[in-house]
Protein backbone atom coordinates (compact mmCIF):
# COMPACT_ATOMS: atom_id res chain seq x y z
CA UNK A 1 81.61 85.50 21.13
CA UNK A 2 81.15 82.61 22.96
CA UNK A 3 78.31 80.22 22.45
CA UNK A 4 76.19 77.60 24.20
CA UNK A 5 75.82 75.93 20.89
CA UNK A 6 76.41 72.36 19.92
CA UNK A 7 79.20 71.33 17.55
CA UNK A 8 77.16 70.48 14.49
CA UNK A 9 78.75 72.30 11.56
CA UNK A 10 76.82 73.99 8.82
CA UNK A 11 78.34 72.90 5.54
CA UNK A 12 78.14 76.02 3.44
CA UNK A 13 78.12 74.61 -0.09
CA UNK A 14 78.42 77.99 -1.78
CA UNK A 15 79.15 81.35 -0.15
CA UNK A 16 77.53 83.16 -3.04
CA UNK A 17 74.03 81.90 -2.59
CA UNK A 18 71.32 84.53 -2.17
CA UNK A 19 68.52 85.32 0.23
CA UNK A 20 66.79 82.02 0.51
CA UNK A 21 69.94 80.13 1.24
CA UNK A 22 71.08 82.69 3.83
CA UNK A 23 67.71 82.44 5.57
CA UNK A 24 67.83 78.63 5.36
CA UNK A 25 71.28 78.62 7.03
CA UNK A 26 69.93 80.61 9.91
CA UNK A 27 66.92 78.25 10.29
CA UNK A 28 69.40 75.29 10.28
CA UNK A 29 71.50 76.91 12.94
CA UNK A 30 68.46 77.33 15.08
CA UNK A 31 67.32 73.77 14.52
CA UNK A 32 70.77 72.44 15.44
CA UNK A 33 70.99 74.47 18.61
CA UNK A 34 68.06 73.96 21.06
CA UNK A 35 69.77 76.11 23.58
CA UNK A 36 69.92 79.26 21.44
CA UNK A 37 69.79 82.50 23.33
CA UNK A 38 68.04 85.75 22.48
CA UNK A 39 71.38 87.15 21.39
CA UNK A 40 71.84 84.28 18.92
CA UNK A 41 68.30 84.59 17.57
CA UNK A 42 68.81 88.26 16.68
CA UNK A 43 72.46 88.12 15.65
CA UNK A 44 73.42 89.09 12.06
CA UNK A 45 74.70 86.57 9.53
CA UNK A 46 77.47 87.59 7.10
CA UNK A 47 77.91 85.77 3.79
CA UNK A 48 81.16 87.02 2.17
CA UNK A 49 82.75 85.91 -1.07
CA UNK A 50 86.16 87.47 -1.73
CA UNK A 51 89.16 87.07 -4.01
CA UNK A 52 92.64 88.49 -3.29
CA UNK A 53 94.87 89.53 -6.15
CA UNK A 54 98.53 89.35 -4.85
CA UNK A 55 99.88 91.32 -7.80
CA UNK A 56 97.78 94.32 -7.13
CA UNK A 57 97.10 93.71 -3.44
CA UNK A 58 93.41 94.13 -4.09
CA UNK A 59 90.58 92.33 -2.41
CA UNK A 60 87.32 92.10 -4.48
CA UNK A 61 84.28 91.04 -2.47
CA UNK A 62 80.59 90.74 -2.34
CA UNK A 63 78.68 90.17 0.83
CA UNK A 64 75.19 89.75 2.26
CA UNK A 65 74.08 90.61 5.77
CA UNK A 66 71.00 89.02 7.15
CA UNK A 67 69.85 91.71 9.56
CA UNK A 68 66.90 91.90 11.88
CA UNK A 69 66.08 95.51 12.72
CA UNK A 70 66.05 96.30 16.40
CA UNK A 71 63.91 99.43 15.99
CA UNK A 72 62.28 101.57 13.37
CA UNK A 73 64.96 103.63 11.62
CA UNK A 74 65.27 105.61 8.49
CA UNK A 75 68.86 104.46 7.99
CA UNK A 76 71.45 101.99 9.08
CA UNK A 77 75.15 102.53 9.85
CA UNK A 78 78.03 100.31 8.97
CA UNK A 79 81.71 100.63 9.86
CA UNK A 80 84.15 100.61 6.99
CA UNK A 81 87.27 100.29 9.06
CA UNK A 82 89.41 99.58 6.06
CA UNK A 83 89.65 103.36 5.46
CA UNK A 84 91.48 103.81 8.74
CA UNK A 85 94.57 102.15 7.36
CA UNK A 86 95.28 104.91 4.77
CA UNK A 87 96.24 108.57 5.34
CA UNK A 88 93.75 109.44 2.57
CA UNK A 89 90.97 107.23 4.05
CA UNK A 90 90.15 105.81 0.66
CA UNK A 91 91.04 102.07 0.73
CA UNK A 92 87.50 100.74 0.31
CA UNK A 93 85.39 101.36 -2.77
CA UNK A 94 81.62 100.58 -2.48
CA UNK A 95 80.50 99.52 -5.87
CA UNK A 96 76.92 98.57 -5.11
CA UNK A 97 74.65 98.57 -2.11
CA UNK A 98 71.14 96.96 -2.04
CA UNK A 99 68.50 96.22 0.54
CA UNK A 100 66.38 93.21 -0.46
CA UNK A 101 67.76 93.53 -4.02
CA UNK A 102 66.71 97.15 -4.23
CA UNK A 103 69.56 99.56 -4.85
CA UNK A 104 69.69 102.33 -2.23
CA UNK A 105 71.61 105.42 -1.55
CA UNK A 106 74.60 105.30 0.71
CA UNK A 107 77.39 107.60 1.76
CA UNK A 108 80.77 107.26 3.49
CA UNK A 109 81.24 109.83 6.18
CA UNK A 110 83.01 110.66 9.47
CA UNK A 111 86.27 112.44 10.04
CA UNK A 112 88.17 109.39 9.01
CA UNK A 113 85.66 108.11 6.49
CA UNK A 114 85.07 104.91 8.43
CA UNK A 115 81.27 105.15 8.65
CA UNK A 116 78.76 104.13 5.94
CA UNK A 117 75.21 105.47 6.07
CA UNK A 118 72.55 103.39 4.27
CA UNK A 119 69.36 105.22 3.58
CA UNK A 120 66.38 102.88 3.91
CA UNK A 121 63.29 102.63 6.02
CA UNK A 122 63.74 99.73 8.46
CA UNK A 123 60.92 98.34 10.55
CA UNK A 124 61.47 96.88 13.98
CA UNK A 125 61.74 93.07 13.97
CA UNK A 126 61.59 92.82 10.21
CA UNK A 127 64.48 90.96 8.56
CA UNK A 128 66.43 92.36 5.61
CA UNK A 129 69.22 91.38 3.28
CA UNK A 130 71.86 94.04 3.04
CA UNK A 131 73.93 93.30 -0.10
CA UNK A 132 77.17 95.04 -0.92
CA UNK A 133 79.94 94.74 -3.55
CA UNK A 134 83.22 96.45 -2.92
CA UNK A 135 86.98 96.42 -3.46
CA UNK A 136 89.70 97.02 -0.89
CA UNK A 137 93.19 98.19 -1.73
CA UNK A 138 95.17 96.32 0.87
CA UNK A 139 98.09 98.61 2.04
CA UNK A 140 101.59 97.36 2.26
CA UNK A 141 102.09 97.77 5.99
CA UNK A 142 102.42 95.88 9.24
CA UNK A 143 98.90 96.65 10.36
CA UNK A 144 95.65 94.77 11.13
CA UNK A 145 94.80 95.14 7.39
CA UNK A 146 97.97 95.02 5.28
CA UNK A 147 100.64 93.14 3.41
CA UNK A 148 103.38 92.82 5.96
CA UNK A 149 107.13 93.03 5.23
CA UNK A 150 107.32 89.30 5.66
CA UNK A 151 104.66 88.72 3.05
CA UNK A 152 101.79 87.69 5.34
CA UNK A 153 98.50 89.32 4.28
CA UNK A 154 96.49 90.36 7.29
CA UNK A 155 92.83 90.46 6.29
CA UNK A 156 90.94 91.88 9.16
CA UNK A 157 88.74 94.98 9.33
CA UNK A 158 88.21 94.60 5.58
CA UNK A 159 84.41 94.04 5.43
CA UNK A 160 81.68 96.59 6.10
CA UNK A 161 80.21 95.58 9.49
CA UNK A 162 76.98 96.78 11.10
CA UNK A 163 77.43 99.31 13.82
CA UNK A 164 75.95 98.49 17.16
CA UNK A 165 72.45 99.68 17.83
CA UNK A 166 71.60 100.73 21.41
CA UNK A 167 68.74 103.22 21.32
CA UNK A 168 70.46 104.68 18.23
CA UNK A 169 73.35 103.86 15.95
CA UNK A 170 76.78 104.07 17.64
CA UNK A 171 78.84 106.16 15.24
CA UNK A 172 82.26 106.22 16.76
CA UNK A 173 85.14 106.66 14.44
CA UNK A 174 88.34 104.58 14.48
CA UNK A 175 90.80 105.38 17.22
CA UNK A 176 94.62 105.38 17.07
CA UNK A 177 94.69 103.87 20.59
CA UNK A 178 93.27 100.58 21.65
CA UNK A 179 90.71 98.43 19.88
CA UNK A 180 87.96 100.70 18.64
CA UNK A 181 85.51 97.87 18.07
CA UNK A 182 82.22 97.43 19.95
CA UNK A 183 80.33 94.52 18.43
CA UNK A 184 77.44 92.16 19.02
CA UNK A 185 77.99 88.56 18.11
CA UNK A 186 77.50 87.57 14.43
CA UNK A 187 77.97 84.47 12.31
CA UNK A 188 80.15 84.48 9.25
CA UNK A 189 80.22 82.25 6.15
CA UNK A 190 83.19 83.24 4.05
CA UNK A 191 84.79 82.16 0.79
CA UNK A 192 88.27 83.41 -0.01
CA UNK A 193 90.17 82.78 -3.24
CA UNK A 194 93.92 83.30 -3.30
CA UNK A 195 96.91 82.20 -5.34
CA UNK A 196 97.60 78.47 -5.24
CA UNK A 197 100.85 78.96 -3.23
CA UNK A 198 99.12 80.87 -0.46
CA UNK A 199 97.71 79.20 2.73
CA UNK A 200 94.76 80.69 4.58
CA UNK A 201 94.07 80.76 8.32
CA UNK A 202 90.94 82.29 9.83
CA UNK A 203 88.35 82.50 12.48
CA UNK A 204 86.04 79.51 12.67
CA UNK A 205 86.56 76.29 10.73
CA UNK A 206 87.65 75.48 7.26
CA UNK A 207 84.73 73.76 5.48
CA UNK A 208 86.63 73.13 2.23
CA UNK A 209 90.02 73.91 0.75
CA UNK A 210 90.34 73.31 -3.00
CA UNK A 211 92.72 74.13 -5.75
CA UNK A 212 90.95 75.08 -9.04
CA UNK A 213 92.15 76.11 -12.50
CA UNK A 214 90.58 79.48 -13.21
CA UNK A 215 91.32 81.75 -16.21
CA UNK A 216 94.61 80.05 -16.91
CA UNK A 217 95.83 80.04 -13.30
CA UNK A 218 95.55 77.68 -10.36
CA UNK A 219 93.72 79.24 -7.48
CA UNK A 220 93.03 78.17 -3.96
CA UNK A 221 89.49 78.62 -2.68
CA UNK A 222 88.87 78.20 1.05
CA UNK A 223 85.36 78.18 2.57
CA UNK A 224 84.94 79.04 6.22
CA UNK A 225 82.18 78.84 8.80
CA UNK A 226 82.57 80.94 11.98
CA UNK A 227 79.54 81.15 14.17
CA UNK A 228 78.70 83.53 17.01
CA UNK A 229 81.87 85.57 17.23
CA UNK A 230 82.42 89.26 17.75
CA UNK A 231 84.73 89.93 14.76
CA UNK A 232 86.01 87.87 11.92
CA UNK A 233 89.60 87.76 10.86
CA UNK A 234 91.92 85.86 8.53
CA UNK A 235 95.41 85.84 7.10
CA UNK A 236 97.01 84.45 3.95
CA UNK A 237 100.56 83.71 3.11
CA UNK A 238 103.28 81.11 2.75
CA UNK A 239 103.34 80.03 6.37
CA UNK A 240 103.81 76.62 7.87
CA UNK A 241 101.47 75.16 10.48
CA UNK A 242 101.14 72.75 13.37
CA UNK A 243 97.95 71.45 14.86
CA UNK A 244 96.85 69.58 17.96
CA UNK A 245 93.47 68.49 19.22
CA UNK A 246 92.58 68.94 22.94
CA UNK A 247 89.57 67.90 24.84
CA UNK A 248 87.96 70.89 26.63
CA UNK A 249 84.77 70.03 28.46
CA UNK A 250 82.42 68.13 26.17
CA UNK A 251 84.15 69.02 22.91
CA UNK A 252 87.38 68.39 20.97
CA UNK A 253 89.08 71.68 20.04
CA UNK A 254 91.46 71.83 17.07
CA UNK A 255 94.24 74.22 17.91
CA UNK A 256 96.34 75.54 14.96
CA UNK A 257 99.57 77.48 14.97
CA UNK A 258 100.68 79.06 11.73
CA UNK A 259 104.18 80.62 11.50
CA UNK A 260 106.91 81.67 9.12
CA UNK A 261 109.86 82.28 11.54
CA UNK A 262 109.84 80.32 14.79
CA UNK A 263 112.74 78.27 16.06
CA UNK A 264 110.53 76.25 18.38
CA UNK A 265 107.02 76.19 16.89
CA UNK A 266 106.09 73.19 19.03
CA UNK A 267 106.54 75.34 22.20
CA UNK A 268 104.30 78.07 20.74
CA UNK A 269 101.62 75.58 19.85
CA UNK A 270 101.80 74.03 23.30
CA UNK A 271 101.49 77.43 24.94
CA UNK A 272 98.24 78.03 23.01
CA UNK A 273 96.97 74.61 24.03
CA UNK A 274 97.93 74.99 27.67
CA UNK A 275 96.46 78.50 27.87
CA UNK A 276 93.11 77.22 26.49
CA UNK A 277 93.19 74.31 28.91
CA UNK A 278 94.05 76.38 32.04
CA UNK A 279 91.46 79.12 31.26
CA UNK A 280 88.79 76.52 30.42
CA UNK A 281 89.39 74.79 33.76
CA UNK A 282 89.40 78.08 35.68
CA UNK A 283 86.70 80.24 34.11
CA UNK A 284 84.54 77.93 32.03
CA UNK A 285 84.96 75.86 28.84
CA UNK A 286 86.19 77.52 25.68
CA UNK A 287 83.18 77.78 23.49
CA UNK A 288 84.42 77.19 19.92
CA UNK A 289 85.63 73.94 18.30
CA UNK A 290 88.79 75.54 16.87
CA UNK A 291 91.42 78.10 17.77
CA UNK A 292 94.02 79.51 15.38
CA UNK A 293 97.17 81.53 16.21
CA UNK A 294 98.98 83.18 13.28
CA UNK A 295 102.40 84.73 13.55
CA UNK A 296 102.30 88.03 11.60
CA UNK A 297 103.92 91.43 12.04
CA UNK A 298 101.94 94.17 13.76
CA UNK A 299 104.09 97.25 13.98
CA UNK A 300 102.35 98.83 17.00
CA UNK A 301 101.13 95.76 18.89
CA UNK A 302 102.29 92.43 20.21
CA UNK A 303 99.08 90.77 19.05
CA UNK A 304 95.44 91.23 18.08
CA UNK A 305 92.32 89.15 18.90
CA UNK A 306 89.38 88.06 16.85
CA UNK A 307 86.79 85.39 17.33
CA UNK A 308 88.68 82.01 17.63
CA UNK A 309 91.58 83.59 15.77
CA UNK A 310 94.53 85.75 16.82
CA UNK A 311 97.57 87.44 15.31
CA UNK A 312 100.90 87.50 17.26
CA UNK A 313 103.97 89.53 16.28
CA UNK A 314 107.43 87.94 16.26
CA UNK A 315 109.46 88.85 19.36
CA UNK A 316 113.16 88.17 20.10
CA UNK A 317 112.15 87.43 23.65
CA UNK A 318 110.79 83.86 23.69
CA UNK A 319 108.95 84.39 27.04
CA UNK A 320 107.34 87.60 25.86
CA UNK A 321 106.22 85.92 22.65
CA UNK A 322 104.69 83.00 24.61
CA UNK A 323 103.01 85.41 27.02
CA UNK A 324 101.47 87.21 24.00
CA UNK A 325 99.97 83.92 22.90
CA UNK A 326 98.53 83.54 26.37
CA UNK A 327 97.23 87.15 26.35
CA UNK A 328 95.44 86.79 22.99
CA UNK A 329 94.07 83.42 24.13
CA UNK A 330 92.55 84.95 27.25
CA UNK A 331 90.74 87.38 25.00
CA UNK A 332 88.60 84.48 23.83
CA UNK A 333 86.91 84.73 27.27
CA UNK A 334 87.16 88.50 27.80
CA UNK A 335 86.15 90.16 24.56
CA UNK A 336 84.91 87.33 22.35
CA UNK A 337 82.64 85.38 24.71
CA UNK A 338 81.98 88.18 27.20
CA UNK A 339 81.70 91.35 25.17
CA UNK A 340 82.26 94.83 26.65
CA UNK A 341 82.44 98.44 25.54
CA UNK A 342 86.04 98.64 24.28
CA UNK A 343 85.56 102.23 23.33
CA UNK A 344 84.61 103.55 26.79
CA UNK A 345 85.64 100.86 29.26
CA UNK A 346 88.69 99.22 27.63
CA UNK A 347 89.96 97.94 31.01
CA UNK A 348 87.16 95.42 31.21
CA UNK A 349 88.69 93.36 28.48
CA UNK A 350 92.29 94.46 28.34
CA UNK A 351 92.85 94.77 32.09
CA UNK A 352 91.31 91.42 32.83
CA UNK A 353 93.16 89.82 29.93
CA UNK A 354 96.47 91.35 30.99
CA UNK A 355 95.88 90.01 34.53
CA UNK A 356 95.06 86.55 33.06
CA UNK A 357 98.36 86.56 31.10
CA UNK A 358 100.27 86.35 34.32
CA UNK A 359 97.64 84.49 36.38
CA UNK A 360 98.21 81.77 33.84
CA UNK A 361 101.65 81.20 35.36
CA UNK A 362 100.19 81.25 38.92
CA UNK A 363 97.56 78.66 37.93
CA UNK A 364 100.29 76.62 36.20
CA UNK A 365 102.34 76.48 39.41
CA UNK A 366 104.82 79.27 38.75
CA UNK A 367 103.64 81.72 41.38
CA UNK A 368 107.02 83.55 41.36
CA UNK A 369 106.48 84.55 37.68
CA UNK A 370 103.05 85.93 38.54
CA UNK A 371 104.29 87.89 41.54
CA UNK A 372 107.24 89.31 39.55
CA UNK A 373 105.00 90.37 36.65
CA UNK A 374 102.52 92.12 38.96
CA UNK A 375 105.34 93.94 40.76
CA UNK A 376 106.76 95.10 37.42
CA UNK A 377 103.27 96.25 36.34
CA UNK A 378 102.82 98.12 39.58
CA UNK A 379 106.13 99.97 39.13
CA UNK A 380 105.20 100.84 35.58
CA UNK A 381 101.89 102.24 36.54
CA UNK A 382 103.33 104.20 39.38
CA UNK A 383 105.80 105.83 36.97
CA UNK A 384 103.05 106.95 34.69
CA UNK A 385 100.69 108.10 37.45
CA UNK A 386 103.48 110.23 38.95
CA UNK A 387 103.35 112.32 35.72
CA UNK A 388 99.94 113.82 36.66
CA UNK A 389 101.17 117.27 37.69
CA UNK A 390 103.28 117.79 34.56
CA UNK A 391 101.32 116.19 31.70
CA UNK A 392 97.79 115.86 33.01
CA UNK A 393 97.80 112.06 33.38
CA UNK A 394 94.24 110.88 33.87
CA UNK A 395 93.80 107.65 35.80
CA UNK A 396 90.02 107.36 35.20
CA UNK A 397 89.20 103.97 33.62
CA UNK A 398 85.83 104.53 32.12
CA UNK A 399 86.53 107.00 29.38
CA UNK A 400 86.55 107.09 25.61
CA UNK A 401 89.64 105.97 23.66
CA UNK A 402 89.82 109.44 22.09
CA UNK A 403 90.61 111.05 25.50
CA UNK A 404 93.88 109.37 26.03
CA UNK A 405 96.82 111.69 25.56
CA UNK A 406 99.37 109.11 24.52
CA UNK A 407 99.56 105.41 23.86
CA UNK A 408 101.56 105.08 27.06
CA UNK A 409 98.71 106.59 29.08
CA UNK A 410 96.29 104.21 27.43
CA UNK A 411 98.44 101.17 28.18
CA UNK A 412 99.00 102.30 31.78
CA UNK A 413 95.34 102.86 32.56
CA UNK A 414 93.71 99.96 30.70
CA UNK A 415 96.34 97.24 30.89
CA UNK A 416 98.40 98.02 33.94
CA UNK A 417 95.87 99.56 36.25
CA UNK A 418 93.24 97.07 35.06
CA UNK A 419 95.53 94.14 35.85
CA UNK A 420 96.35 95.56 39.29
CA UNK A 421 92.66 95.99 40.06
CA UNK A 422 91.95 92.33 39.33
CA UNK A 423 94.95 91.17 41.35
CA UNK A 424 93.73 93.30 44.22
CA UNK A 425 90.27 91.63 44.01
CA UNK A 426 91.97 88.18 43.95
CA UNK A 427 93.95 89.04 47.12
CA UNK A 428 90.85 90.40 48.89
CA UNK A 429 88.56 87.50 48.27
CA UNK A 430 90.94 84.62 47.82
CA UNK A 431 91.55 82.45 44.77
CA UNK A 432 88.60 80.15 45.18
CA UNK A 433 85.95 82.89 45.40
CA UNK A 434 87.75 84.98 42.82
CA UNK A 435 87.69 82.16 40.29
CA UNK A 436 84.08 81.40 41.16
CA UNK A 437 83.13 85.00 40.55
CA UNK A 438 84.83 85.17 37.21
CA UNK A 439 83.24 81.84 36.24
CA UNK A 440 79.86 83.33 37.07
CA UNK A 441 80.73 86.53 35.09
CA UNK A 442 81.63 84.33 32.11
CA UNK A 443 78.47 82.19 32.39
CA UNK A 444 76.06 85.03 32.98
CA UNK A 445 77.43 87.31 30.19
CA UNK A 446 78.31 84.85 27.49
CA UNK A 447 77.42 86.33 24.03
CA UNK A 448 76.27 89.53 25.70
CA UNK A 449 77.72 92.88 26.55
CA UNK A 450 78.93 93.10 30.10
CA UNK A 451 79.82 96.24 32.12
CA UNK A 452 81.24 97.22 35.51
CA UNK A 453 77.93 96.40 37.23
CA UNK A 454 77.95 92.95 35.61
CA UNK A 455 81.33 92.26 37.13
CA UNK A 456 80.22 93.53 40.57
CA UNK A 457 77.13 91.33 40.43
CA UNK A 458 79.26 88.27 39.77
CA UNK A 459 81.28 88.91 42.97
CA UNK A 460 78.04 89.46 44.92
CA UNK A 461 77.08 85.83 44.10
CA UNK A 462 80.12 84.85 46.11
CA UNK A 463 79.22 87.06 49.06
CA UNK A 464 81.45 90.02 48.24
CA UNK A 465 80.22 93.52 47.60
CA UNK A 466 83.08 95.07 45.65
CA UNK A 467 81.21 97.95 44.08
CA UNK A 468 82.90 100.66 46.06
CA UNK A 469 86.34 99.04 45.55
CA UNK A 470 85.94 98.85 41.75
CA UNK A 471 84.38 102.31 41.43
CA UNK A 472 87.24 103.74 43.48
CA UNK A 473 89.67 102.41 40.99
CA UNK A 474 87.71 103.29 37.88
CA UNK A 475 86.93 106.79 39.12
CA UNK A 476 90.55 107.27 40.17
CA UNK A 477 89.64 108.08 43.78
CA UNK A 478 91.36 105.10 45.36
CA UNK A 479 94.91 105.35 46.55
CA UNK A 480 97.00 102.74 44.76
C-alpha cells in the first residue's frame, strides 16, 4: 500500500456499475498517474456495494473484481475470512459467483472454511470480471468483524479477496495468532448503506455521503474510493469525530479521529498527526491523502491496521492508548506501503512497527522514553526465551504463524525480538545511516512485497553488510 500516484480522485458515480465502467475506472487511474508501476498496472480493482441491516446484523453485498491473470490456471482462490469469526465457520453465504457474467462452480473449503475455490479456465495476462453476491452474518463480538459491546460495527475481513498468486495460489487458512493476511495492493470502490443515525469511517476517502428515503426509512449511503492499499476496512456507528489537515511532502493529508469514549480526543488526534509527520520526515512521505483512526473494541488486540485506516481499542492508560495510535500509524509504512509475508515473517512488519512506536519518542526528543521502552522489551523477551528448556520456546523469526505455541510466544518473537533487532541495527550503524537505510527500504519496496534480503540490501546502500547479523537473529543463533 503505498503509492507514487498523484492526488487526482476518481469520482465513482455509482458503485454498482458493471464491467465497462470498472474497466474505464482503471483506464482513468492509469491516465491520471503517469508514474504508475508494474504493481499498479496489474493490481486488482474491487467494486463493492453493500447494505448493513442493524436489526439483523446482516451485511448484503455484491462485488466485482477486475482481475488480470498472472498465469494459466484452471481455478482461482479467494479468501473468505468472515468465516473465521464463527465457531461454525458459516458467517458468509455465497449466493452467486460469475466470471464475465457466466455462472461458475465454486466451493468453500479449508479446515476453517476460509478459502473459496472458483473453477474457471484463466489465461495468463487476460483480464476477467469476477462477480459475487453474498451475505455476511456479522457476529456480536469485539473482533475485526463484529458488532462490539459499545455498538461500533467493525466491517473488516467481510469481502471475498483474491489470494496471492506466487507460482501457485497461496492457500493458507486463518490463524489465531497474528495477522494472517498476505496481500498485493488493490484498489477499492465501495458503497455502504446504513441506518441514518450511523456514521461511517473507512480506508480511503469519502466521495459522497447522502441521506435517502428508501422503502419508508431514511438511510445513509456513503461512497468510498481507496486506491492502492493492501486491505480495505471500515466501521459504522454513532461515534463523534475530529479532523485536521497536515501538509506532508507535496500533499495535504486529511487526518480523522472517530471516537465514542475519549476524555481528550484532541490529544488522540494530535498523536495521529504527529506520528504521520515524524515518520514522513524520517522514512519518506506518507503516500495517501487521508488517514483515519477509529476507536473500537478489539478483545484480543490493542489495534488493527488497514490501508489508510486503523482501529484502536480503548485503554485506561492514556500513554498506552497514544502509543497504540503511533504503532498503527507506523504500519502505514511497514505493511501497507512496504508489504511483507505476515504469515511466515511477521517480524518484518510487526517488529519494525513495534520499534517505530518507541523510536517515535526518540525522534520527538524524548530519548528517555525510548530507552525505557527498549529496556522493558528486552526484559520481557528474556523472560520468554528463558522458558526454552521447559516449554520448547522457539526464537526463530521466519516461521509460519501456525507454529507458535502461544500468543505470548508470538508476541515475544515478532514484536519484542523484532524491535530489539532494529534497535541493535540502529546502535551499530548510527541514526543517520539507519534512517537512510530504512528510507531506501521504503522507497525501493513501495507497493511491493519485501523480505529479509530486501532489508539487507537497503543497509548495503549505506555501506553496511548486516546479512549475518540479521540472519543470526532470525535463525536464533545470535546471543541476545
